[in-house]
Protein backbone atom coordinates (compact mmCIF):
# COMPACT_ATOMS: atom_id res chain seq x y z
CA UNK A 1 86.97 106.89 41.91
CA UNK A 2 85.35 103.86 44.28
CA UNK A 3 88.17 102.83 46.09
CA UNK A 4 90.25 106.29 46.87
CA UNK A 5 86.73 106.58 49.22
CA UNK A 6 87.52 103.23 50.35
CA UNK A 7 90.96 103.99 51.21
CA UNK A 8 89.79 106.35 53.19
CA UNK A 9 87.10 105.30 54.90
CA UNK A 10 89.26 102.38 56.42
CA UNK A 11 91.74 105.59 57.20
CA UNK A 12 89.59 106.38 59.75
CA UNK A 13 88.18 103.66 60.54
CA UNK A 14 91.84 102.47 61.87
CA UNK A 15 92.11 105.70 63.02
CA UNK A 16 88.66 105.31 65.18
CA UNK A 17 89.68 102.27 66.67
CA UNK A 18 94.26 103.51 67.22
CA UNK A 19 91.68 106.71 69.13
CA UNK A 20 89.63 104.91 71.13
CA UNK A 21 92.29 102.57 72.23
CA UNK A 22 94.00 106.00 73.66
CA UNK A 23 90.92 107.13 74.99
CA UNK A 24 90.63 103.56 77.06
CA UNK A 25 94.40 103.47 78.20
CA UNK A 26 93.53 107.02 79.64
CA UNK A 27 90.62 106.69 80.83
CA UNK A 28 92.30 103.42 82.89
CA UNK A 29 95.56 105.04 83.55
CA UNK A 30 93.55 107.71 85.28
CA UNK A 31 91.41 105.64 87.32
CA UNK A 32 94.44 103.95 88.25
CA UNK A 33 95.55 107.06 90.59
CA UNK A 34 92.48 108.26 91.94
CA UNK A 35 91.63 104.96 93.23
CA UNK A 36 96.02 105.29 94.09
CA UNK A 37 94.83 109.11 95.73
CA UNK A 38 91.96 107.79 98.14
CA UNK A 39 93.91 105.35 99.83
CA UNK A 40 96.27 107.43 100.85
CA UNK A 41 93.84 109.48 101.21
CA UNK A 42 91.92 107.36 103.81
CA UNK A 43 95.34 106.86 105.23
CA UNK A 44 95.87 109.95 105.77
CA UNK A 45 93.07 110.87 107.78
CA UNK A 46 93.71 107.32 109.95
CA UNK A 47 96.98 109.09 110.84
CA UNK A 48 96.06 112.34 111.19
CA UNK A 49 93.14 110.61 114.13
CA UNK A 50 95.92 108.89 115.97
CA UNK A 51 98.26 111.76 116.30
CA UNK A 52 95.14 114.06 116.91
CA UNK A 53 94.65 112.26 119.76
CA UNK A 54 97.87 111.58 120.81
CA UNK A 55 97.78 115.94 121.17
CA UNK A 56 94.78 115.72 123.30
CA UNK A 57 96.55 112.92 125.68
CA UNK A 58 99.61 115.23 125.92
CA UNK A 59 97.50 118.69 126.61
CA UNK A 60 95.81 116.65 129.15
CA UNK A 61 99.10 115.50 131.09
CA UNK A 62 100.30 119.11 130.03
CA UNK A 63 97.57 120.85 131.68
CA UNK A 64 97.25 118.19 134.59
CA UNK A 65 100.79 119.07 135.45
CA UNK A 66 103.97 116.33 136.31
CA UNK A 67 103.27 114.30 139.12
CA UNK A 68 105.32 113.94 141.88
CA UNK A 69 106.42 110.34 140.42
CA UNK A 70 107.55 112.13 137.39
CA UNK A 71 109.54 114.41 139.35
CA UNK A 72 110.80 112.44 141.48
CA UNK A 73 111.90 110.01 138.55
CA UNK A 74 113.84 113.03 137.07
CA UNK A 75 114.96 114.02 140.17
CA UNK A 76 117.31 110.77 140.36
CA UNK A 77 118.26 109.82 136.64
CA UNK A 78 118.72 112.80 134.67
CA UNK A 79 119.58 114.87 137.59
CA UNK A 80 121.83 112.35 140.21
CA UNK A 81 118.99 113.20 142.89
CA UNK A 82 118.57 111.75 146.09
CA UNK A 83 116.61 111.87 149.55
CA UNK A 84 117.91 113.22 152.92
CA UNK A 85 119.27 110.12 155.34
CA UNK A 86 119.64 108.64 151.49
CA UNK A 87 123.50 106.43 151.00
CA UNK A 88 124.15 106.01 147.59
CA UNK A 89 127.36 103.59 146.41
CA UNK A 90 129.22 103.31 142.68
CA UNK A 91 130.53 99.66 141.82
CA UNK A 92 134.46 100.61 142.19
CA UNK A 93 135.55 97.88 140.34
């Protein structure tokens, strides 16, 4: 009868060791995933701060209106306007 209990305890020890190894692997995997998520979160927070700063800059520009230089640039380059008395020559070649 003693060998039956010894075999049972051997199997129990092996099962316990296997469970502990499995649990260790799962915990390490979860820790790596948590670290990755934390790094991703920090990167996204930095990107958000950068985007918010760009938005604030654009809002200030929008509130201030368009400058005369920007109006002239748009009129000349996008709309093809010229100043009174100005002559434009086209290259025919």
